[in-house]
Amino acid sequence: MNNSFLARIAIAAALAAGLQAPATAQGIGIFNNIIRQQQLPSAPASLGNLLAPAAGNRGAAGGELIQLLMQSVDHVDEAHEIEIGRQLAAVLLGSKPLHPDMALQRYVNRLGRWISLQSARPQLPWTFGVLNDPGVNAFAAPGGYVFVTKGLVDRVDEAELAGILAHEITHVTDKHHLQALRTKARAGLATQAIGSQLNSNLGGAVSAQLLALGKDLYSSGLDQGDEFAADRNGVTLAARAGFDPYGLPSVLQQLRSAAPDNPLFSLSLRTHPAPQLRLDQLELAMGNRLDAYAGKPAVPLSQRLVGR
């Protein structure tokens, strides 16, 4: 990694610490207006609303979804993709509940929805949430479900959070989870799950097959190439939405300095490529091509939450 790329990341890190730097591109005025006018949908008020089946897709059986996955991701239409995502979201929420701060949930949902509108699939029923977990991590599920942990939110500014959300949104738009599920299903993990006794406080709301695949997916992580692609396309998406593209690299700098045995970072470090490797790949992809969109003043999340 060369010094110029480190310097550009340092600008983002300095801004996150509350220092000012000259703006070199337009700010995020459109998003500011959206936040003030509250034109984007707010977060779900309850777990039940978040996991409500998509219209016209009620009753999709886990076996049917698994069969579609094992054929080809191309056989999974959008309605079934959303249903798979709903069931995988149940896996995540069965492990960690939503954080009770509804002002925070509304803000993250609006921020995520704004970024998702700039993505390749704005029509998905995007839903964002904050998990009540002190660890530092983020997750996504097919069909437009994206989660960040409270521990992550507490350590980032708005541009950094936007970079993380854009990374996760890219996983969804590029169907990375569906591809990973297909690989695992064809490897026989779904068949092995049939008849097994799996503990879940959601009972029969999630099929045993998808539950097993989902748990394995979130504990092992996505393919390394998918993570690099989500980094590359995520910084571009964040810039397109009006945010500093160096927000995501700044978060990776934080991960790089984390102790490997720190339990707050352990899952994120275990399920993703090494932060230094991700930074190296981003340097090759970004160069100085996005510098015109960098250098925006940092916006602390606490400022966004005032009066929410």
C-alpha atoms as a PDB file:
ATOM      1  CA  MET A   1       0.000   0.000   0.000  1.00  0.00           C
ATOM      2  CA  ASN A   2       1.537   3.315  -1.015  1.00  0.00           C
ATOM      3  CA  ASN A   3       1.718   6.444   1.099  1.00  0.00           C
ATOM      4  CA  SER A   4      -0.747   8.430  -1.000  1.00  0.00           C
ATOM      5  CA  PHE A   5      -3.518   5.920  -0.441  1.00  0.00           C
ATOM      6  CA  LEU A   6      -2.730   5.875   3.283  1.00  0.00           C
ATOM      7  CA  ALA A   7      -2.877   9.653   3.288  1.00  0.00           C
ATOM      8  CA  ARG A   8      -6.303   9.647   1.690  1.00  0.00           C
ATOM      9  CA  ILE A   9      -7.563   7.148   4.251  1.00  0.00           C
ATOM     10  CA  ALA A  10      -6.040   9.329   6.956  1.00  0.00           C
ATOM     11  CA  ILE A  11      -8.228  12.205   5.754  1.00  0.00           C
ATOM     12  CA  ALA A  12     -11.320  10.066   6.350  1.00  0.00           C
ATOM     13  CA  ALA A  13      -9.989   8.948   9.742  1.00  0.00           C
ATOM     14  CA  ALA A  14      -9.228  12.536  10.738  1.00  0.00           C
ATOM     15  CA  LEU A  15     -12.711  13.602   9.748  1.00  0.00           C
ATOM     16  CA  ALA A  16     -14.127  10.787  11.841  1.00  0.00           C
ATOM     17  CA  ALA A  17     -12.246  12.273  14.798  1.00  0.00           C
ATOM     18  CA  GLY A  18     -14.034  15.572  14.229  1.00  0.00           C
ATOM     19  CA  LEU A  19     -11.300  17.435  12.319  1.00  0.00           C
ATOM     20  CA  GLN A  20     -12.179  19.504   9.289  1.00  0.00           C
ATOM     21  CA  ALA A  21     -10.736  19.275   5.780  1.00  0.00           C
ATOM     22  CA  PRO A  22     -11.519  21.292   2.656  1.00  0.00           C
ATOM     23  CA  ALA A  23     -14.460  19.831   0.768  1.00  0.00           C
ATOM     24  CA  THR A  24     -13.462  18.815  -2.756  1.00  0.00           C
ATOM     25  CA  ALA A  25     -16.894  17.795  -4.015  1.00  0.00           C
ATOM     26  CA  GLN A  26     -20.565  18.460  -3.380  1.00  0.00           C
ATOM     27  CA  GLY A  27     -21.816  17.507   0.036  1.00  0.00           C
ATOM     28  CA  ILE A  28     -24.784  15.360   0.800  1.00  0.00           C
ATOM     29  CA  GLY A  29     -27.411  18.077   0.664  1.00  0.00           C
ATOM     30  CA  ILE A  30     -30.003  15.879  -0.997  1.00  0.00           C
ATOM     31  CA  PHE A  31     -29.676  13.277   1.728  1.00  0.00           C
ATOM     32  CA  ASN A  32     -29.749  15.998   4.389  1.00  0.00           C
ATOM     33  CA  ASN A  33     -33.068  17.183   2.976  1.00  0.00           C
ATOM     34  CA  ILE A  34     -34.383  13.630   2.903  1.00  0.00           C
ATOM     35  CA  ILE A  35     -33.452  13.204   6.572  1.00  0.00           C
ATOM     36  CA  ARG A  36     -35.062  16.494   7.566  1.00  0.00           C
ATOM     37  CA  GLN A  37     -38.227  15.904   5.580  1.00  0.00           C
ATOM     38  CA  GLN A  38     -38.380  12.222   6.585  1.00  0.00           C
ATOM     39  CA  GLN A  39     -39.467  11.150   3.106  1.00  0.00           C
ATOM     40  CA  LEU A  40     -37.994   7.672   3.282  1.00  0.00           C
ATOM     41  CA  PRO A  41     -39.794   4.817   5.037  1.00  0.00           C
ATOM     42  CA  SER A  42     -38.955   4.392   8.699  1.00  0.00           C
ATOM     43  CA  ALA A  43     -37.692   1.220  10.318  1.00  0.00           C
ATOM     44  CA  PRO A  44     -40.081  -1.611  11.191  1.00  0.00           C
ATOM     45  CA  ALA A  45     -41.699  -1.069  14.554  1.00  0.00           C
ATOM     46  CA  SER A  46     -41.397  -4.696  15.565  1.00  0.00           C
ATOM     47  CA  LEU A  47     -39.722  -7.999  14.850  1.00  0.00           C
ATOM     48  CA  GLY A  48     -43.013  -9.257  13.456  1.00  0.00           C
ATOM     49  CA  ASN A  49     -43.180  -6.471  10.882  1.00  0.00           C
ATOM     50  CA  LEU A  50     -39.585  -7.030   9.852  1.00  0.00           C
ATOM     51  CA  LEU A  51     -40.170 -10.719   9.199  1.00  0.00           C
ATOM     52  CA  ALA A  52     -43.598 -10.397   7.598  1.00  0.00           C
ATOM     53  CA  PRO A  53     -43.714 -12.458   4.373  1.00  0.00           C
ATOM     54  CA  ALA A  54     -43.584 -10.507   1.146  1.00  0.00           C
ATOM     55  CA  ALA A  55     -46.901  -9.964  -0.628  1.00  0.00           C
ATOM     56  CA  GLY A  56     -47.805 -12.909  -2.819  1.00  0.00           C
ATOM     57  CA  ASN A  57     -45.096 -15.049  -1.284  1.00  0.00           C
ATOM     58  CA  ARG A  58     -46.719 -16.417   1.853  1.00  0.00           C
ATOM     59  CA  GLY A  59     -46.267 -20.080   2.549  1.00  0.00           C
ATOM     60  CA  ALA A  60     -43.145 -20.689   0.466  1.00  0.00           C
ATOM     61  CA  ALA A  61     -41.762 -23.961   1.797  1.00  0.00           C
ATOM     62  CA  GLY A  62     -38.128 -24.372   2.747  1.00  0.00           C
ATOM     63  CA  GLY A  63     -37.874 -27.469   0.585  1.00  0.00           C
ATOM     64  CA  GLU A  64     -39.143 -25.563  -2.447  1.00  0.00           C
ATOM     65  CA  LEU A  65     -36.602 -22.810  -1.876  1.00  0.00           C
ATOM     66  CA  ILE A  66     -33.771 -25.303  -1.463  1.00  0.00           C
ATOM     67  CA  GLN A  67     -34.734 -27.043  -4.702  1.00  0.00           C
ATOM     68  CA  LEU A  68     -34.671 -23.727  -6.542  1.00  0.00           C
ATOM     69  CA  LEU A  69     -31.244 -22.929  -5.111  1.00  0.00           C
ATOM     70  CA  MET A  70     -29.824 -26.297  -6.057  1.00  0.00           C
ATOM     71  CA  GLN A  71     -30.903 -25.843  -9.685  1.00  0.00           C
ATOM     72  CA  SER A  72     -29.455 -22.386 -10.303  1.00  0.00           C
ATOM     73  CA  VAL A  73     -29.556 -18.917  -8.792  1.00  0.00           C
ATOM     74  CA  ASP A  74     -31.160 -17.839 -12.068  1.00  0.00           C
ATOM     75  CA  HIS A  75     -34.167 -20.010 -11.168  1.00  0.00           C
ATOM     76  CA  VAL A  76     -34.769 -17.963  -8.012  1.00  0.00           C
ATOM     77  CA  ASP A  77     -37.140 -15.168  -8.946  1.00  0.00           C
ATOM     78  CA  GLU A  78     -37.322 -11.985  -6.907  1.00  0.00           C
ATOM     79  CA  ALA A  79     -40.277 -13.091  -4.793  1.00  0.00           C
ATOM     80  CA  HIS A  80     -38.494 -16.286  -3.746  1.00  0.00           C
ATOM     81  CA  GLU A  81     -35.258 -14.367  -3.196  1.00  0.00           C
ATOM     82  CA  ILE A  82     -37.066 -12.076  -0.759  1.00  0.00           C
ATOM     83  CA  GLU A  83     -38.553 -15.091   1.034  1.00  0.00           C
ATOM     84  CA  ILE A  84     -35.113 -16.680   1.386  1.00  0.00           C
ATOM     85  CA  GLY A  85     -33.834 -13.397   2.777  1.00  0.00           C
ATOM     86  CA  ARG A  86     -36.722 -13.172   5.223  1.00  0.00           C
ATOM     87  CA  GLN A  87     -35.895 -16.609   6.604  1.00  0.00           C
ATOM     88  CA  LEU A  88     -32.187 -15.836   6.832  1.00  0.00           C
ATOM     89  CA  ALA A  89     -33.007 -12.566   8.583  1.00  0.00           C
ATOM     90  CA  ALA A  90     -34.876 -14.691  11.114  1.00  0.00           C
ATOM     91  CA  VAL A  91     -31.651 -16.632  11.685  1.00  0.00           C
ATOM     92  CA  LEU A  92     -29.814 -13.401  12.468  1.00  0.00           C
ATOM     93  CA  LEU A  93     -32.576 -11.989  14.651  1.00  0.00           C
ATOM     94  CA  GLY A  94     -32.910 -15.294  16.455  1.00  0.00           C
ATOM     95  CA  SER A  95     -29.305 -14.834  17.559  1.00  0.00           C
ATOM     96  CA  LYS A  96     -29.341 -11.101  18.320  1.00  0.00           C
ATOM     97  CA  PRO A  97     -32.476  -8.955  18.740  1.00  0.00           C
ATOM     98  CA  LEU A  98     -32.986  -5.495  17.301  1.00  0.00           C
ATOM     99  CA  HIS A  99     -31.665  -2.654  19.425  1.00  0.00           C
ATOM    100  CA  PRO A 100     -34.531  -0.926  21.300  1.00  0.00           C
ATOM    101  CA  ASP A 101     -33.535   2.629  20.264  1.00  0.00           C
ATOM    102  CA  MET A 102     -36.140   3.356  17.604  1.00  0.00           C
ATOM    103  CA  ALA A 103     -34.629   6.737  16.721  1.00  0.00           C
ATOM    104  CA  LEU A 104     -31.431   4.919  15.801  1.00  0.00           C
ATOM    105  CA  GLN A 105     -33.367   2.282  13.857  1.00  0.00           C
ATOM    106  CA  ARG A 106     -35.236   4.951  11.881  1.00  0.00           C
ATOM    107  CA  TYR A 107     -32.042   6.803  11.051  1.00  0.00           C
ATOM    108  CA  VAL A 108     -30.119   3.727   9.879  1.00  0.00           C
ATOM    109  CA  ASN A 109     -33.114   2.565   7.876  1.00  0.00           C
ATOM    110  CA  ARG A 110     -33.423   5.917   6.109  1.00  0.00           C
ATOM    111  CA  LEU A 111     -29.699   6.108   5.474  1.00  0.00           C
ATOM    112  CA  GLY A 112     -29.678   2.590   4.051  1.00  0.00           C
ATOM    113  CA  ARG A 113     -32.760   3.187   1.930  1.00  0.00           C
ATOM    114  CA  TRP A 114     -31.235   6.333   0.448  1.00  0.00           C
ATOM    115  CA  ILE A 115     -28.077   4.443  -0.546  1.00  0.00           C
ATOM    116  CA  SER A 116     -30.085   1.500  -1.873  1.00  0.00           C
ATOM    117  CA  LEU A 117     -31.999   3.849  -4.187  1.00  0.00           C
ATOM    118  CA  GLN A 118     -28.689   4.547  -5.956  1.00  0.00           C
ATOM    119  CA  SER A 119     -27.974   0.820  -6.385  1.00  0.00           C
ATOM    120  CA  ALA A 120     -28.633  -1.507  -9.297  1.00  0.00           C
ATOM    121  CA  ARG A 121     -31.788  -2.855  -7.603  1.00  0.00           C
ATOM    122  CA  PRO A 122     -33.671   0.059  -6.019  1.00  0.00           C
ATOM    123  CA  GLN A 123     -36.994  -1.754  -6.372  1.00  0.00           C
ATOM    124  CA  LEU A 124     -36.254  -4.330  -3.667  1.00  0.00           C
ATOM    125  CA  PRO A 125     -38.160  -3.885  -0.367  1.00  0.00           C
ATOM    126  CA  TRP A 126     -34.981  -2.797   1.432  1.00  0.00           C
ATOM    127  CA  THR A 127     -35.019  -3.111   5.206  1.00  0.00           C
ATOM    128  CA  PHE A 128     -32.203  -2.077   7.528  1.00  0.00           C
ATOM    129  CA  GLY A 129     -31.758  -2.663  11.235  1.00  0.00           C
ATOM    130  CA  VAL A 130     -29.352  -2.366  14.142  1.00  0.00           C
ATOM    131  CA  LEU A 131     -28.713  -5.543  16.133  1.00  0.00           C
ATOM    132  CA  ASN A 132     -28.329  -5.250  19.886  1.00  0.00           C
ATOM    133  CA  ASP A 133     -24.794  -6.630  19.856  1.00  0.00           C
ATOM    134  CA  PRO A 134     -21.593  -4.959  21.171  1.00  0.00           C
ATOM    135  CA  GLY A 135     -19.507  -6.734  18.529  1.00  0.00           C
ATOM    136  CA  VAL A 136     -18.338  -4.973  15.365  1.00  0.00           C
ATOM    137  CA  ASN A 137     -19.988  -6.510  12.318  1.00  0.00           C
ATOM    138  CA  ALA A 138     -22.526  -6.173   9.521  1.00  0.00           C
ATOM    139  CA  PHE A 139     -24.694  -8.739   7.752  1.00  0.00           C
ATOM    140  CA  ALA A 140     -26.966  -8.948   4.744  1.00  0.00           C
ATOM    141  CA  ALA A 141     -29.521 -11.415   3.438  1.00  0.00           C
ATOM    142  CA  PRO A 142     -31.018 -11.832  -0.047  1.00  0.00           C
ATOM    143  CA  GLY A 143     -33.920  -9.642  -1.050  1.00  0.00           C
ATOM    144  CA  GLY A 144     -32.788  -6.482   0.720  1.00  0.00           C
ATOM    145  CA  TYR A 145     -32.225  -7.242   4.416  1.00  0.00           C
ATOM    146  CA  VAL A 146     -29.187  -5.490   5.922  1.00  0.00           C
ATOM    147  CA  PHE A 147     -28.083  -5.363   9.560  1.00  0.00           C
ATOM    148  CA  VAL A 148     -25.305  -3.611  11.445  1.00  0.00           C
ATOM    149  CA  THR A 149     -24.408  -4.165  15.084  1.00  0.00           C
ATOM    150  CA  LYS A 150     -24.659  -1.493  17.761  1.00  0.00           C
ATOM    151  CA  GLY A 151     -20.953  -2.029  18.434  1.00  0.00           C
ATOM    152  CA  LEU A 152     -20.175  -1.027  14.852  1.00  0.00           C
ATOM    153  CA  VAL A 153     -22.484   1.992  14.916  1.00  0.00           C
ATOM    154  CA  ASP A 154     -20.800   3.260  18.085  1.00  0.00           C
ATOM    155  CA  ARG A 155     -17.393   3.319  16.349  1.00  0.00           C
ATOM    156  CA  VAL A 156     -18.146   5.074  13.059  1.00  0.00           C
ATOM    157  CA  ASP A 157     -19.278   8.386  11.627  1.00  0.00           C
ATOM    158  CA  GLU A 158     -21.890   8.766   8.913  1.00  0.00           C
ATOM    159  CA  ALA A 159     -19.570   8.332   5.919  1.00  0.00           C
ATOM    160  CA  GLU A 160     -18.053   5.207   7.448  1.00  0.00           C
ATOM    161  CA  LEU A 161     -21.490   3.756   8.168  1.00  0.00           C
ATOM    162  CA  ALA A 162     -22.545   4.609   4.612  1.00  0.00           C
ATOM    163  CA  GLY A 163     -19.515   2.716   3.302  1.00  0.00           C
ATOM    164  CA  ILE A 164     -20.432  -0.369   5.341  1.00  0.00           C
ATOM    165  CA  LEU A 165     -24.073  -0.240   4.250  1.00  0.00           C
ATOM    166  CA  ALA A 166     -23.037   0.193   0.609  1.00  0.00           C
ATOM    167  CA  HIS A 167     -20.766  -2.861   0.940  1.00  0.00           C
ATOM    168  CA  GLU A 168     -23.668  -4.955   2.283  1.00  0.00           C
ATOM    169  CA  ILE A 169     -26.106  -3.583  -0.305  1.00  0.00           C
ATOM    170  CA  THR A 170     -23.691  -4.707  -3.027  1.00  0.00           C
ATOM    171  CA  HIS A 171     -23.706  -8.243  -1.604  1.00  0.00           C
ATOM    172  CA  VAL A 172     -27.488  -8.229  -2.089  1.00  0.00           C
ATOM    173  CA  THR A 173     -27.592  -6.662  -5.545  1.00  0.00           C
ATOM    174  CA  ASP A 174     -24.941  -9.103  -6.808  1.00  0.00           C
ATOM    175  CA  LYS A 175     -26.707 -12.087  -5.156  1.00  0.00           C
ATOM    176  CA  HIS A 176     -23.562 -13.213  -3.326  1.00  0.00           C
ATOM    177  CA  HIS A 177     -25.513 -14.942  -0.554  1.00  0.00           C
ATOM    178  CA  LEU A 178     -27.669 -16.848  -3.020  1.00  0.00           C
ATOM    179  CA  GLN A 179     -24.549 -18.103  -4.785  1.00  0.00           C
ATOM    180  CA  ALA A 180     -23.020 -19.181  -1.468  1.00  0.00           C
ATOM    181  CA  LEU A 181     -26.235 -20.920  -0.403  1.00  0.00           C
ATOM    182  CA  ARG A 182     -26.377 -22.766  -3.707  1.00  0.00           C
ATOM    183  CA  THR A 183     -22.808 -23.999  -3.249  1.00  0.00           C
ATOM    184  CA  LYS A 184     -23.550 -25.207   0.272  1.00  0.00           C
ATOM    185  CA  ALA A 185     -26.851 -26.822  -0.746  1.00  0.00           C
ATOM    186  CA  ARG A 186     -25.212 -28.707  -3.596  1.00  0.00           C
ATOM    187  CA  ALA A 187     -22.477 -29.820  -1.224  1.00  0.00           C
ATOM    188  CA  GLY A 188     -25.127 -31.727   0.735  1.00  0.00           C
ATOM    189  CA  LEU A 189     -25.431 -29.525   3.809  1.00  0.00           C
ATOM    190  CA  ALA A 190     -29.175 -29.154   3.278  1.00  0.00           C
ATOM    191  CA  THR A 191     -29.708 -32.908   3.073  1.00  0.00           C
ATOM    192  CA  GLN A 192     -27.662 -33.437   6.228  1.00  0.00           C
ATOM    193  CA  ALA A 193     -29.944 -31.015   8.073  1.00  0.00           C
ATOM    194  CA  ILE A 194     -33.129 -32.974   7.444  1.00  0.00           C
ATOM    195  CA  GLY A 195     -34.376 -34.582  10.610  1.00  0.00           C
ATOM    196  CA  SER A 196     -31.708 -33.007  12.785  1.00  0.00           C
ATOM    197  CA  GLN A 197     -32.694 -31.377  16.046  1.00  0.00           C
ATOM    198  CA  LEU A 198     -31.798 -27.701  15.657  1.00  0.00           C
ATOM    199  CA  ASN A 199     -32.452 -25.275  18.492  1.00  0.00           C
ATOM    200  CA  SER A 200     -34.225 -22.063  17.512  1.00  0.00           C
ATOM    201  CA  ASN A 201     -36.402 -19.713  19.539  1.00  0.00           C
ATOM    202  CA  LEU A 202     -38.309 -19.018  16.316  1.00  0.00           C
ATOM    203  CA  GLY A 203     -39.623 -22.568  16.222  1.00  0.00           C
ATOM    204  CA  GLY A 204     -41.131 -23.557  12.921  1.00  0.00           C
ATOM    205  CA  ALA A 205     -40.873 -20.066  11.412  1.00  0.00           C
ATOM    206  CA  VAL A 206     -37.666 -21.079   9.694  1.00  0.00           C
ATOM    207  CA  SER A 207     -37.203 -24.358   7.872  1.00  0.00           C
ATOM    208  CA  ALA A 208     -34.549 -26.683   9.272  1.00  0.00           C
ATOM    209  CA  GLN A 209     -32.782 -26.746   5.930  1.00  0.00           C
ATOM    210  CA  LEU A 210     -32.450 -23.011   5.447  1.00  0.00           C
ATOM    211  CA  LEU A 211     -31.694 -22.578   9.145  1.00  0.00           C
ATOM    212  CA  ALA A 212     -28.743 -24.932   8.854  1.00  0.00           C
ATOM    213  CA  LEU A 213     -27.493 -23.309   5.655  1.00  0.00           C
ATOM    214  CA  GLY A 214     -27.902 -19.819   7.070  1.00  0.00           C
ATOM    215  CA  LYS A 215     -26.093 -20.569  10.302  1.00  0.00           C
ATOM    216  CA  ASP A 216     -23.235 -22.126   8.381  1.00  0.00           C
ATOM    217  CA  LEU A 217     -23.092 -19.196   5.952  1.00  0.00           C
ATOM    218  CA  TYR A 218     -22.918 -16.518   8.643  1.00  0.00           C
ATOM    219  CA  SER A 219     -20.365 -18.419  10.695  1.00  0.00           C
ATOM    220  CA  SER A 220     -18.056 -19.148   7.747  1.00  0.00           C
ATOM    221  CA  GLY A 221     -18.518 -16.027   5.626  1.00  0.00           C
ATOM    222  CA  LEU A 222     -18.755 -15.407   1.890  1.00  0.00           C
ATOM    223  CA  ASP A 223     -16.197 -16.151  -0.790  1.00  0.00           C
ATOM    224  CA  GLN A 224     -13.128 -13.906  -0.611  1.00  0.00           C
ATOM    225  CA  GLY A 225     -13.714 -12.706  -4.166  1.00  0.00           C
ATOM    226  CA  ASP A 226     -17.253 -11.632  -3.250  1.00  0.00           C
ATOM    227  CA  GLU A 227     -15.909  -9.565  -0.352  1.00  0.00           C
ATOM    228  CA  PHE A 228     -13.387  -7.817  -2.597  1.00  0.00           C
ATOM    229  CA  ALA A 229     -16.124  -7.109  -5.161  1.00  0.00           C
ATOM    230  CA  ALA A 230     -18.421  -5.686  -2.474  1.00  0.00           C
ATOM    231  CA  ASP A 231     -15.589  -3.435  -1.286  1.00  0.00           C
ATOM    232  CA  ARG A 232     -14.882  -2.134  -4.798  1.00  0.00           C
ATOM    233  CA  ASN A 233     -18.492  -1.588  -5.776  1.00  0.00           C
ATOM    234  CA  GLY A 234     -19.433  -0.402  -2.295  1.00  0.00           C
ATOM    235  CA  VAL A 235     -17.090   2.599  -2.333  1.00  0.00           C
ATOM    236  CA  THR A 236     -18.472   3.555  -5.753  1.00  0.00           C
ATOM    237  CA  LEU A 237     -22.050   3.217  -4.514  1.00  0.00           C
ATOM    238  CA  ALA A 238     -21.299   5.303  -1.415  1.00  0.00           C
ATOM    239  CA  ALA A 239     -19.808   8.036  -3.603  1.00  0.00           C
ATOM    240  CA  ARG A 240     -22.826   7.885  -5.929  1.00  0.00           C
ATOM    241  CA  ALA A 241     -25.049   8.420  -2.892  1.00  0.00           C
ATOM    242  CA  GLY A 242     -23.064  11.525  -1.941  1.00  0.00           C
ATOM    243  CA  PHE A 243     -20.725  10.173   0.742  1.00  0.00           C
ATOM    244  CA  ASP A 244     -16.961  10.171   1.107  1.00  0.00           C
ATOM    245  CA  PRO A 245     -15.717   7.007  -0.640  1.00  0.00           C
ATOM    246  CA  TYR A 246     -12.912   6.699   1.919  1.00  0.00           C
ATOM    247  CA  GLY A 247     -15.438   5.891   4.654  1.00  0.00           C
ATOM    248  CA  LEU A 248     -15.131   2.146   4.084  1.00  0.00           C
ATOM    249  CA  PRO A 249     -11.306   2.172   3.937  1.00  0.00           C
ATOM    250  CA  SER A 250     -11.332   4.130   7.188  1.00  0.00           C
ATOM    251  CA  VAL A 251     -13.341   1.352   8.856  1.00  0.00           C
ATOM    252  CA  LEU A 252     -10.919  -1.225   7.450  1.00  0.00           C
ATOM    253  CA  GLN A 253      -8.104   0.747   9.054  1.00  0.00           C
ATOM    254  CA  GLN A 254      -9.877   0.313  12.406  1.00  0.00           C
ATOM    255  CA  LEU A 255     -10.225  -3.417  11.802  1.00  0.00           C
ATOM    256  CA  ARG A 256      -6.559  -3.657  10.848  1.00  0.00           C
ATOM    257  CA  SER A 257      -5.543  -2.253  14.226  1.00  0.00           C
ATOM    258  CA  ALA A 258      -7.859  -4.539  16.204  1.00  0.00           C
ATOM    259  CA  ALA A 259      -6.276  -7.304  18.255  1.00  0.00           C
ATOM    260  CA  PRO A 260      -7.075 -10.715  16.682  1.00  0.00           C
ATOM    261  CA  ASP A 261      -8.181 -12.095  20.045  1.00  0.00           C
ATOM    262  CA  ASN A 262     -10.540  -9.193  20.796  1.00  0.00           C
ATOM    263  CA  PRO A 263     -13.980 -10.868  21.030  1.00  0.00           C
ATOM    264  CA  LEU A 264     -15.716  -7.733  19.729  1.00  0.00           C
ATOM    265  CA  PHE A 265     -13.941  -8.092  16.377  1.00  0.00           C
ATOM    266  CA  SER A 266     -13.413 -11.851  16.226  1.00  0.00           C
ATOM    267  CA  LEU A 267     -16.408 -12.817  14.042  1.00  0.00           C
ATOM    268  CA  SER A 268     -15.816 -10.019  11.554  1.00  0.00           C
ATOM    269  CA  LEU A 269     -12.115 -10.881  11.265  1.00  0.00           C
ATOM    270  CA  ARG A 270     -12.843 -14.599  10.966  1.00  0.00           C
ATOM    271  CA  THR A 271     -15.474 -14.289   8.231  1.00  0.00           C
ATOM    272  CA  HIS A 272     -13.744 -11.683   6.065  1.00  0.00           C
ATOM    273  CA  PRO A 273     -10.372 -11.445   4.304  1.00  0.00           C
ATOM    274  CA  ALA A 274      -7.619  -9.767   6.331  1.00  0.00           C
ATOM    275  CA  PRO A 275      -8.215  -5.984   6.516  1.00  0.00           C
ATOM    276  CA  GLN A 276      -4.762  -5.269   5.079  1.00  0.00           C
ATOM    277  CA  LEU A 277      -5.515  -7.457   2.066  1.00  0.00           C
ATOM    278  CA  ARG A 278      -8.824  -5.688   1.556  1.00  0.00           C
ATOM    279  CA  LEU A 279      -7.095  -2.303   1.740  1.00  0.00           C
ATOM    280  CA  ASP A 280      -4.500  -3.446  -0.783  1.00  0.00           C
ATOM    281  CA  GLN A 281      -7.224  -4.563  -3.171  1.00  0.00           C
ATOM    282  CA  LEU A 282      -9.091  -1.282  -2.736  1.00  0.00           C
ATOM    283  CA  GLU A 283      -5.943   0.679  -3.469  1.00  0.00           C
ATOM    284  CA  LEU A 284      -5.581  -1.152  -6.778  1.00  0.00           C
ATOM    285  CA  ALA A 285      -9.232  -0.556  -7.641  1.00  0.00           C
ATOM    286  CA  MET A 286      -9.596   3.046  -6.473  1.00  0.00           C
ATOM    287  CA  GLY A 287      -6.257   4.668  -7.181  1.00  0.00           C
ATOM    288  CA  ASN A 288      -7.071   8.373  -7.113  1.00  0.00           C
ATOM    289  CA  ARG A 289     -10.159   8.069  -9.287  1.00  0.00           C
ATOM    290  CA  LEU A 290     -12.581   8.835  -6.449  1.00  0.00           C
ATOM    291  CA  ASP A 291     -10.534  11.579  -4.790  1.00  0.00           C
ATOM    292  CA  ALA A 292     -12.825  14.260  -6.198  1.00  0.00           C
ATOM    293  CA  TYR A 293     -15.587  12.886  -3.969  1.00  0.00           C
ATOM    294  CA  ALA A 294     -13.468  12.751  -0.807  1.00  0.00           C
ATOM    295  CA  GLY A 295     -12.740  15.235   1.957  1.00  0.00           C
ATOM    296  CA  LYS A 296     -16.282  15.971   3.101  1.00  0.00           C
ATOM    297  CA  PRO A 297     -16.678  17.106   6.738  1.00  0.00           C
ATOM    298  CA  ALA A 298     -17.544  14.268   9.083  1.00  0.00           C
ATOM    299  CA  VAL A 299     -21.063  14.016  10.474  1.00  0.00           C
ATOM    300  CA  PRO A 300     -21.268  12.260  13.853  1.00  0.00           C
ATOM    301  CA  LEU A 301     -24.245   9.916  14.157  1.00  0.00           C
ATOM    302  CA  SER A 302     -25.201  11.625  17.413  1.00  0.00           C
ATOM    303  CA  GLN A 303     -25.856  14.796  15.401  1.00  0.00           C
ATOM    304  CA  ARG A 304     -28.252  12.934  13.108  1.00  0.00           C
ATOM    305  CA  LEU A 305     -30.140  11.444  16.044  1.00  0.00           C
ATOM    306  CA  VAL A 306     -30.935  14.748  17.759  1.00  0.00           C
ATOM    307  CA  GLY A 307     -34.680  15.174  17.850  1.00  0.00           C
ATOM    308  CA  ARG A 308     -35.387  11.870  16.093  1.00  0.00           C
END
